[in-house]
Structure formats: structure tokens, C-alpha cells
Protein backbone atom coordinates (compact mmCIF):
# COMPACT_ATOMS: atom_id res chain seq x y z
CA MET A 1 0.00 0.00 0.00
CA HIS A 2 1.02 3.61 -0.54
CA VAL A 3 0.25 6.79 1.37
CA PHE A 4 -2.60 8.85 -0.04
CA ARG A 5 -0.50 12.02 -0.18
CA ASN A 6 2.85 13.13 1.19
CA ASP A 7 1.82 16.60 2.36
CA THR A 8 -1.33 18.11 3.82
CA PRO A 9 -2.07 21.47 2.15
CA LYS A 10 -2.41 24.56 4.31
CA ARG A 11 -4.05 27.87 3.50
CA ARG A 12 -1.81 30.79 4.38
CA LEU A 13 -2.71 33.15 7.20
CA ASN A 14 -3.92 36.72 6.73
CA ARG A 15 -4.41 36.48 2.98
CA LYS A 16 -5.38 39.86 1.55
CA GLU A 17 -9.01 39.87 0.44
CA CYS A 18 -9.73 39.91 -3.30
CA LYS A 19 -13.00 41.07 -4.82
CA HIS A 20 -13.55 37.85 -6.76
CA TYR A 21 -12.62 34.35 -5.65
CA THR A 22 -10.93 33.53 -8.97
CA SER A 23 -8.20 36.03 -8.09
CA TYR A 24 -6.97 33.56 -5.46
CA LYS A 25 -6.16 30.82 -7.96
CA LYS A 26 -2.39 31.36 -8.01
CA THR A 27 -2.24 31.55 -4.21
CA LEU A 28 -4.39 28.46 -3.83
CA LYS A 29 -2.24 26.55 -6.28
CA GLU A 30 0.80 27.34 -4.14
CA ASP A 31 -0.95 26.54 -0.84
CA PHE A 32 -2.25 23.24 -2.20
CA ASN A 33 1.16 22.28 -3.60
CA SER A 34 -0.17 22.37 -7.19
CA ARG A 35 -2.53 19.52 -6.33
CA CYS A 36 -6.23 18.91 -6.04
CA GLY A 37 -7.19 19.15 -2.39
CA TYR A 38 -9.58 16.21 -2.73
CA CYS A 39 -7.85 13.58 -4.89
CA ASP A 40 -4.23 14.87 -4.71
CA ASP A 41 -3.85 14.74 -8.50
CA ILE A 42 -0.98 17.00 -9.54
CA ASP A 43 -1.60 19.95 -11.83
CA PHE A 44 0.28 19.00 -14.99
CA GLN A 45 0.05 21.87 -17.46
CA LYS A 46 -2.10 21.10 -20.52
CA VAL A 47 -3.05 17.69 -19.08
CA ARG A 48 -5.76 18.56 -16.57
CA ASN A 49 -8.20 21.39 -15.92
CA PHE A 50 -7.93 22.80 -12.39
CA THR A 51 -10.49 25.07 -10.79
CA ILE A 52 -11.51 26.61 -7.46
CA ASP A 53 -14.09 24.79 -5.36
CA HIS A 54 -16.12 26.32 -2.54
CA PHE A 55 -15.83 23.82 0.31
CA ILE A 56 -19.17 24.98 1.68
CA PRO A 57 -21.02 25.40 -1.64
CA GLN A 58 -22.14 28.81 -2.78
CA ASN A 59 -25.64 27.51 -3.49
CA PRO A 60 -26.06 24.41 -1.34
CA ILE A 61 -29.11 22.20 -1.69
CA GLY A 62 -31.60 22.65 1.14
CA PHE A 63 -30.34 25.75 2.97
CA THR A 64 -28.70 29.16 2.61
CA HIS A 65 -25.74 30.80 4.32
CA THR A 66 -23.91 34.13 4.47
CA ILE A 67 -20.38 32.98 3.59
CA ALA A 68 -19.02 35.33 0.93
CA PRO A 69 -18.00 33.71 -2.38
CA ASN A 70 -14.57 35.34 -2.07
CA TYR A 71 -13.90 34.08 1.49
CA TYR A 72 -10.43 32.62 1.04
CA TYR A 73 -10.63 30.07 3.84
CA ASN A 74 -13.57 28.34 2.20
CA LEU A 75 -11.76 27.81 -1.11
CA VAL A 76 -10.11 24.61 -2.34
CA TYR A 77 -7.77 24.14 -5.29
CA SER A 78 -9.55 21.38 -7.14
CA CYS A 79 -9.36 19.36 -10.32
CA GLY A 80 -12.36 19.60 -12.62
CA TYR A 81 -13.48 16.07 -11.81
CA CYS A 82 -13.73 16.60 -8.04
CA ASN A 83 -15.27 20.06 -8.41
CA MET A 84 -17.99 18.81 -10.75
CA SER A 85 -18.66 15.78 -8.57
CA LYS A 86 -19.00 17.76 -5.35
CA THR A 87 -21.12 20.56 -6.90
CA ASN A 88 -23.67 21.84 -4.32
CA LYS A 89 -23.63 18.85 -1.98
CA TRP A 90 -23.66 19.59 1.75
CA PRO A 91 -25.78 16.90 3.41
CA THR A 92 -25.68 18.27 6.97
CA ASN A 93 -27.62 21.38 5.85
CA ASN A 94 -25.57 23.31 8.39
CA PRO A 95 -22.54 25.41 7.31
CA LYS A 96 -20.98 24.92 10.76
CA ILE A 97 -21.07 21.12 10.52
CA SER A 98 -19.20 19.55 7.61
CA ASN A 99 -20.12 15.96 8.48
CA ASP A 100 -21.91 13.85 11.08
CA GLY A 101 -19.36 11.06 11.08
CA ASN A 102 -21.17 9.09 8.39
CA ILE A 103 -22.00 11.54 5.61
CA GLY A 104 -20.59 14.91 4.64
CA PHE A 105 -17.10 16.18 3.94
CA ILE A 106 -13.79 17.05 5.62
CA ASP A 107 -11.88 20.19 4.67
CA PRO A 108 -8.89 18.85 2.71
CA VAL A 109 -6.47 21.12 4.60
CA GLU A 110 -7.10 19.03 7.72
CA ILE A 111 -4.79 16.16 8.66
CA ASP A 112 -7.90 14.05 9.22
CA TYR A 113 -8.52 14.15 5.48
CA THR A 114 -4.96 13.01 4.74
CA ASN A 115 -5.32 10.14 7.20
CA LEU A 116 -8.69 9.11 5.78
CA TYR A 117 -7.20 7.39 2.74
CA GLN A 118 -4.41 5.27 1.37
CA ARG A 119 -3.61 3.93 -2.10
CA ASP A 120 -3.36 0.35 -3.28
CA LEU A 121 -0.41 -0.86 -5.34
CA ASN A 122 -2.00 0.59 -8.50
CA GLY A 123 -2.68 3.99 -6.94
CA LYS A 124 -6.41 3.51 -6.36
CA ILE A 125 -7.71 5.64 -3.48
CA GLN A 126 -9.14 3.54 -0.66
CA PRO A 127 -10.25 4.17 2.94
CA THR A 128 -7.48 3.60 5.47
CA ASN A 129 -10.16 1.95 7.59
CA SER A 130 -12.44 -0.22 5.44
CA THR A 131 -15.33 0.28 7.89
CA ASN A 132 -15.19 4.08 7.83
CA SER A 133 -18.54 5.13 6.38
CA LEU A 134 -17.52 8.81 6.01
CA ALA A 135 -14.48 7.84 3.91
CA LYS A 136 -16.71 5.69 1.72
CA TYR A 137 -19.24 8.49 1.38
CA ILE A 138 -16.60 10.98 0.21
CA ILE A 139 -15.14 8.48 -2.27
CA LYS A 140 -18.62 7.92 -3.69
CA GLU A 141 -19.69 11.57 -3.85
CA LEU A 142 -16.39 12.93 -5.19
CA LYS A 143 -15.97 9.90 -7.47
CA LEU A 144 -12.46 9.30 -6.21
CA TRP A 145 -12.76 5.82 -7.71
CA LEU A 146 -12.51 7.20 -11.24
CA PRO A 147 -9.59 5.66 -13.22
CA ILE A 148 -8.25 9.13 -14.04
CA HIS A 149 -6.95 9.45 -10.47
CA GLN A 150 -4.99 6.21 -10.76
CA LYS A 151 -3.58 7.32 -14.11
CA MET A 152 -2.46 10.64 -12.68
CA TRP A 153 -0.79 8.87 -9.75
CA LYS A 154 1.02 6.48 -12.09
CA LEU A 155 2.07 9.36 -14.30
CA GLU A 156 3.63 11.08 -11.34
CA GLN A 157 5.43 7.92 -10.22
CA ILE A 158 6.98 7.67 -13.68
CA ARG A 159 8.01 11.33 -13.49
CA LEU A 160 9.71 10.79 -10.13
CA LEU A 161 11.44 7.67 -11.39
CA ASN A 162 12.57 9.55 -14.47
CA ASN A 163 14.14 12.26 -12.30
CA GLU A 164 16.03 9.63 -10.29
CA ILE A 165 17.32 7.96 -13.44
CA ILE A 166 18.53 11.27 -14.89
CA ILE A 167 20.56 12.00 -11.75
CA LYS A 168 22.09 8.52 -11.72
CA LEU A 169 22.92 8.61 -15.42
CA GLU A 170 24.68 11.95 -15.02
CA ASN A 171 26.97 10.46 -12.36
CA LEU A 172 27.57 7.11 -14.09
CA LYS A 173 31.14 6.55 -15.33
CA ASP A 174 30.78 3.09 -16.93
CA GLY A 175 30.17 3.83 -20.63
CA GLN A 176 28.57 0.50 -21.61
CA LEU A 177 26.33 0.41 -18.57
CA LYS A 178 25.32 4.01 -19.21
CA ASP A 179 24.34 3.16 -22.79
CA ASP A 180 22.24 0.20 -21.60
CA LEU A 181 20.48 2.27 -18.98
CA GLU A 182 19.78 5.09 -21.42
CA LYS A 183 17.95 2.59 -23.64
CA GLU A 184 15.79 1.52 -20.71
CA HIS A 185 15.30 5.16 -19.80
CA TYR A 186 13.98 5.82 -23.30
CA LYS A 187 11.34 3.11 -22.78
CA ILE A 188 10.19 4.84 -19.61
CA LEU A 189 9.95 8.17 -21.40
CA LYS A 190 7.83 6.61 -24.15
CA LEU A 191 5.49 5.16 -21.54
CA TRP A 192 5.29 8.53 -19.79
CA VAL A 193 4.39 10.33 -23.02
CA SER A 194 1.82 7.65 -23.90
CA ILE A 195 0.02 8.03 -20.55
CA GLN A 196 0.06 11.83 -20.82
CA GLU A 197 -1.43 11.66 -24.31
CA SER A 198 -4.21 9.31 -23.20
CA ILE A 199 -5.13 11.62 -20.31
CA PHE A 200 -5.03 14.66 -22.58
CA VAL A 201 -7.47 12.97 -25.01
CA GLU A 202 -9.84 12.16 -22.14
CA ASN A 203 -9.84 15.80 -21.05
CA ALA A 204 -10.07 17.34 -24.52
């Protein structure tokens, strides 16, 4: 098994207020480590569409609230899949209560959200505790089971492996061994490009 994510995002303190919430996108991208707060997919340029989600929805189903659309501490850097899946869902009908332990959501900047999940050997997001009904609810409602999230995880693993290989090749002195490894490295790069292209087609 693998960890769900290596770092828990954190919104910065005392962020200057902007008139429109979209003005926070660059700041949110930095605070969320260029990742979706919900699925942890990385923001690869030209591969995925990233947006801003309102953790407590602007127009929730069943109730109203007074939280301003540009309130920074209610915003989440989110991939298009998670944003579209979450939409206006807020089952507690109370802006002060994000979940009742069984249904609802957890703000992704909380360590509890990080600890809620793990990944199987193929990168699929799963509850850390198989009996946790809240974890299952969030997976279902945000569609964290979608194959795109596994593909993005695999793509990143290849990228990290590629970086390691580049460093080792640069320091390798054995000419024949270096040639052999460069051939294997080329295979990895081809696989990386192939996965990126397949994801790009899905998001076109």
C-alpha cells in the first residue's frame, strides 16, 4: 500500500481579500502544492483542468448561508473532476457542521482528510479503515474511484522515477552500462508520453 498524499495542504494566514474568488487561484495553487485538495492529482500543465471549489457550496441544496463567495478560507484548489462531482452537496444542511461522522465532507487542509485514505499498489484511493462510512461516502460523492486518479498517480510515479534515473545517469562513469540504462530510460519516457497523451485525449 502507498500513502494517499505526502503533504497536507495549508491555507496561508492573513491572505489579503480579493473582490472575486478567482483572483486567489495562483495563491491556492501554491498553498495546495499544485494539487487537487480532494484527490491529490498534480496539476500538470495542458493535461488537466484545475479550478476553485467552494468547500461549503455557494448555493447548497436545502439551505442558505452568508459565507461570501470570495472568502479565502472556504476555497479549495480542485481538479475539474472533483469540483464537478461535489457541486452543491452539503448533506448536513448546516454550514458549521461539515459531516456527522457518516456523511458529509472534511476540509482537505485538515490532517484528518490526509489520514482518511491510502492507495493500493496501482494507486487507487481507498479508505485507510475499510469500515469508515464517512471515507466511503466521500469516495462515492467525489468519485475518487474514477480511473483518471490512478492514471495521474502512475504518471507522477513515472516522473519521479525519471528524475532519479537522470541523476544517476549523469553520475555514471561506466560507458557500456550508461548506454544500456539510457535505452531503458527511453522506454520509460515513451510510456510517460503515452500516458500523458491518453489523459489529454480524455480531457479534450
